[in-house]
Amino acid sequence: MENKIVGAIFCFMSAVLISARYISAAIFMSGAASWNATLFAAGLEYVGPFLAIAAGIAFIIGILFLGYGLYQDIKKIKK
């Protein structure tokens, strides 16, 4: 049961990190006179890849914990 909770927390952390990336880019671009996709992509480049990489790692860890927790539950049921 604890593994599934930890997995869910890591997946939530991944969502927060991805949100932080886009919010950071939006804050960086808040002084722009006009918005378009090209300017926002430049804002995302300014933020850098760290948040996206951290979110991907957290998501993978979360999925692994969720899978292991489900595996343990299925193993208990089969006994």
N, C-alpha and C. Protein backbone atom coordinates (compact mmCIF):
# COMPACT_ATOMS: atom_id res chain seq x y z
N MET A 1 0.83 -1.19 0.00
CA MET A 1 0.00 0.00 0.00
C MET A 1 0.87 1.26 0.00
N GLU A 2 1.96 1.23 0.75
CA GLU A 2 2.81 2.41 0.85
C GLU A 2 3.47 2.73 -0.48
N ASN A 3 3.82 1.69 -1.25
CA ASN A 3 4.46 1.92 -2.54
C ASN A 3 3.53 2.66 -3.50
N LYS A 4 2.24 2.34 -3.45
CA LYS A 4 1.29 3.03 -4.33
C LYS A 4 1.14 4.49 -3.92
N ILE A 5 1.18 4.77 -2.64
CA ILE A 5 1.09 6.16 -2.18
C ILE A 5 2.33 6.94 -2.59
N VAL A 6 3.49 6.34 -2.43
CA VAL A 6 4.74 7.00 -2.84
C VAL A 6 4.73 7.23 -4.35
N GLY A 7 4.25 6.26 -5.12
CA GLY A 7 4.16 6.41 -6.56
C GLY A 7 3.24 7.54 -6.96
N ALA A 8 2.11 7.64 -6.28
CA ALA A 8 1.17 8.72 -6.58
C ALA A 8 1.78 10.09 -6.24
N ILE A 9 2.54 10.14 -5.16
CA ILE A 9 3.19 11.40 -4.78
C ILE A 9 4.22 11.79 -5.83
N PHE A 10 4.99 10.83 -6.33
CA PHE A 10 5.97 11.14 -7.37
C PHE A 10 5.30 11.60 -8.66
N CYS A 11 4.18 10.97 -9.02
CA CYS A 11 3.44 11.40 -10.22
C CYS A 11 2.89 12.81 -10.03
N PHE A 12 2.41 13.12 -8.85
CA PHE A 12 1.92 14.47 -8.56
C PHE A 12 3.07 15.48 -8.62
N MET A 13 4.22 15.09 -8.09
CA MET A 13 5.39 15.96 -8.14
C MET A 13 5.80 16.23 -9.58
N SER A 14 5.68 15.24 -10.43
CA SER A 14 5.97 15.41 -11.85
C SER A 14 5.04 16.44 -12.48
N ALA A 15 3.76 16.36 -12.14
CA ALA A 15 2.80 17.33 -12.68
C ALA A 15 3.10 18.74 -12.18
N VAL A 16 3.50 18.87 -10.94
CA VAL A 16 3.84 20.18 -10.38
C VAL A 16 5.08 20.76 -11.08
N LEU A 17 6.06 19.92 -11.35
CA LEU A 17 7.27 20.39 -12.02
C LEU A 17 6.99 20.84 -13.45
N ILE A 18 6.17 20.10 -14.16
CA ILE A 18 5.81 20.52 -15.53
C ILE A 18 5.02 21.83 -15.48
N SER A 19 4.12 21.95 -14.52
CA SER A 19 3.37 23.20 -14.37
C SER A 19 4.29 24.36 -14.05
N ALA A 20 5.27 24.12 -13.20
CA ALA A 20 6.23 25.17 -12.84
C ALA A 20 7.03 25.62 -14.05
N ARG A 21 7.33 24.69 -14.95
CA ARG A 21 8.07 25.06 -16.17
C ARG A 21 7.26 26.04 -17.02
N TYR A 22 5.99 25.71 -17.24
CA TYR A 22 5.16 26.57 -18.08
C TYR A 22 4.82 27.88 -17.39
N ILE A 23 4.62 27.85 -16.09
CA ILE A 23 4.34 29.08 -15.36
C ILE A 23 5.57 29.98 -15.35
N SER A 24 6.75 29.39 -15.21
CA SER A 24 7.98 30.18 -15.26
C SER A 24 8.15 30.86 -16.61
N ALA A 25 7.87 30.13 -17.68
CA ALA A 25 7.97 30.72 -19.01
C ALA A 25 6.94 31.84 -19.19
N ALA A 26 5.74 31.64 -18.66
CA ALA A 26 4.71 32.67 -18.78
C ALA A 26 5.09 33.91 -17.98
N ILE A 27 5.67 33.74 -16.81
CA ILE A 27 6.11 34.88 -16.01
C ILE A 27 7.23 35.62 -16.73
N PHE A 28 8.15 34.86 -17.32
CA PHE A 28 9.24 35.47 -18.06
C PHE A 28 8.71 36.29 -19.23
N MET A 29 7.65 35.81 -19.87
CA MET A 29 7.10 36.49 -21.04
C MET A 29 6.02 37.51 -20.68
N SER A 30 5.82 37.77 -19.42
CA SER A 30 4.72 38.65 -19.02
C SER A 30 4.90 40.09 -19.48
N GLY A 31 6.11 40.50 -19.74
CA GLY A 31 6.33 41.87 -20.19
C GLY A 31 6.23 42.05 -21.69
N ALA A 32 5.95 40.99 -22.43
CA ALA A 32 5.87 41.07 -23.89
C ALA A 32 4.61 41.82 -24.31
N ALA A 33 4.74 42.59 -25.39
CA ALA A 33 3.60 43.34 -25.89
C ALA A 33 2.57 42.43 -26.55
N SER A 34 3.04 41.40 -27.24
CA SER A 34 2.12 40.45 -27.87
C SER A 34 2.64 39.04 -27.65
N TRP A 35 1.73 38.08 -27.74
CA TRP A 35 2.08 36.70 -27.51
C TRP A 35 1.84 35.89 -28.77
N ASN A 36 2.71 34.96 -29.06
CA ASN A 36 2.48 33.94 -30.07
C ASN A 36 3.29 32.70 -29.68
N ALA A 37 3.14 31.65 -30.47
CA ALA A 37 3.79 30.39 -30.12
C ALA A 37 5.31 30.50 -30.17
N THR A 38 5.82 31.29 -31.10
CA THR A 38 7.27 31.42 -31.23
C THR A 38 7.87 32.11 -30.00
N LEU A 39 7.22 33.15 -29.53
CA LEU A 39 7.71 33.85 -28.34
C LEU A 39 7.64 32.96 -27.10
N PHE A 40 6.56 32.20 -27.00
CA PHE A 40 6.44 31.32 -25.84
C PHE A 40 7.48 30.20 -25.89
N ALA A 41 7.77 29.70 -27.09
CA ALA A 41 8.82 28.69 -27.23
C ALA A 41 10.18 29.26 -26.81
N ALA A 42 10.40 30.54 -27.13
CA ALA A 42 11.64 31.19 -26.69
C ALA A 42 11.67 31.31 -25.17
N GLY A 43 10.52 31.58 -24.57
CA GLY A 43 10.44 31.63 -23.11
C GLY A 43 10.73 30.28 -22.48
N LEU A 44 10.25 29.21 -23.10
CA LEU A 44 10.54 27.86 -22.60
C LEU A 44 12.02 27.54 -22.73
N GLU A 45 12.65 27.99 -23.81
CA GLU A 45 14.09 27.78 -23.96
C GLU A 45 14.86 28.54 -22.89
N TYR A 46 14.37 29.72 -22.52
CA TYR A 46 15.03 30.50 -21.48
C TYR A 46 14.97 29.80 -20.13
N VAL A 47 13.83 29.15 -19.85
CA VAL A 47 13.66 28.43 -18.59
C VAL A 47 14.63 27.25 -18.53
N GLY A 48 14.87 26.61 -19.65
CA GLY A 48 15.82 25.51 -19.70
C GLY A 48 15.16 24.15 -19.54
N PRO A 49 15.93 23.11 -19.74
CA PRO A 49 15.37 21.76 -19.71
C PRO A 49 15.34 21.10 -18.33
N PHE A 50 15.86 21.76 -17.31
CA PHE A 50 15.99 21.10 -16.01
C PHE A 50 14.64 20.65 -15.44
N LEU A 51 13.63 21.51 -15.50
CA LEU A 51 12.33 21.14 -14.92
C LEU A 51 11.70 19.99 -15.69
N ALA A 52 11.86 19.99 -17.01
CA ALA A 52 11.29 18.90 -17.81
C ALA A 52 12.00 17.58 -17.51
N ILE A 53 13.30 17.62 -17.36
CA ILE A 53 14.06 16.40 -17.05
C ILE A 53 13.69 15.89 -15.66
N ALA A 54 13.61 16.80 -14.69
CA ALA A 54 13.23 16.40 -13.33
C ALA A 54 11.81 15.83 -13.30
N ALA A 55 10.91 16.41 -14.08
CA ALA A 55 9.54 15.89 -14.14
C ALA A 55 9.50 14.51 -14.77
N GLY A 56 10.29 14.29 -15.80
CA GLY A 56 10.34 12.98 -16.43
C GLY A 56 10.88 11.91 -15.50
N ILE A 57 11.93 12.25 -14.77
CA ILE A 57 12.50 11.30 -13.81
C ILE A 57 11.51 10.99 -12.70
N ALA A 58 10.84 12.03 -12.18
CA ALA A 58 9.85 11.82 -11.11
C ALA A 58 8.69 10.96 -11.62
N PHE A 59 8.28 11.17 -12.87
CA PHE A 59 7.19 10.38 -13.43
C PHE A 59 7.58 8.92 -13.58
N ILE A 60 8.78 8.67 -14.06
CA ILE A 60 9.25 7.28 -14.21
C ILE A 60 9.35 6.59 -12.85
N ILE A 61 9.89 7.28 -11.86
CA ILE A 61 9.97 6.71 -10.51
C ILE A 61 8.58 6.44 -9.97
N GLY A 62 7.65 7.37 -10.20
CA GLY A 62 6.27 7.18 -9.73
C GLY A 62 5.60 5.98 -10.37
N ILE A 63 5.79 5.81 -11.67
CA ILE A 63 5.19 4.66 -12.36
C ILE A 63 5.80 3.36 -11.85
N LEU A 64 7.11 3.36 -11.60
CA LEU A 64 7.75 2.16 -11.07
C LEU A 64 7.22 1.80 -9.69
N PHE A 65 7.06 2.79 -8.82
CA PHE A 65 6.51 2.52 -7.49
C PHE A 65 5.07 2.04 -7.57
N LEU A 66 4.27 2.66 -8.45
CA LEU A 66 2.88 2.22 -8.61
C LEU A 66 2.82 0.78 -9.12
N GLY A 67 3.64 0.47 -10.10
CA GLY A 67 3.66 -0.89 -10.64
C GLY A 67 4.09 -1.92 -9.60
N TYR A 68 5.11 -1.59 -8.83
CA TYR A 68 5.57 -2.52 -7.80
C TYR A 68 4.50 -2.70 -6.71
N GLY A 69 3.82 -1.61 -6.36
CA GLY A 69 2.75 -1.73 -5.37
C GLY A 69 1.61 -2.60 -5.87
N LEU A 70 1.25 -2.46 -7.14
CA LEU A 70 0.19 -3.30 -7.70
C LEU A 70 0.65 -4.76 -7.79
N TYR A 71 1.93 -4.95 -8.13
CA TYR A 71 2.48 -6.31 -8.19
C TYR A 71 2.39 -6.98 -6.82
N GLN A 72 2.71 -6.25 -5.77
CA GLN A 72 2.62 -6.80 -4.42
C GLN A 72 1.19 -7.15 -4.06
N ASP A 73 0.24 -6.31 -4.45
CA ASP A 73 -1.17 -6.60 -4.16
C ASP A 73 -1.64 -7.84 -4.89
N ILE A 74 -1.26 -7.98 -6.16
CA ILE A 74 -1.67 -9.16 -6.93
C ILE A 74 -1.02 -10.41 -6.34
N LYS A 75 0.22 -10.30 -5.90
CA LYS A 75 0.92 -11.42 -5.30
C LYS A 75 0.24 -11.86 -4.00
N LYS A 76 -0.28 -10.91 -3.20
CA LYS A 76 -0.98 -11.24 -1.97
C LYS A 76 -2.29 -11.93 -2.26
N ILE A 77 -3.00 -11.50 -3.31
CA ILE A 77 -4.29 -12.08 -3.65
C ILE A 77 -4.13 -13.54 -4.11
N LYS A 78 -3.08 -13.82 -4.84
CA LYS A 78 -2.87 -15.17 -5.38
C LYS A 78 -2.46 -16.18 -4.32
N LYS A 79 -2.00 -15.75 -3.16
CA LYS A 79 -1.59 -16.69 -2.10
C LYS A 79 -2.75 -17.38 -1.46
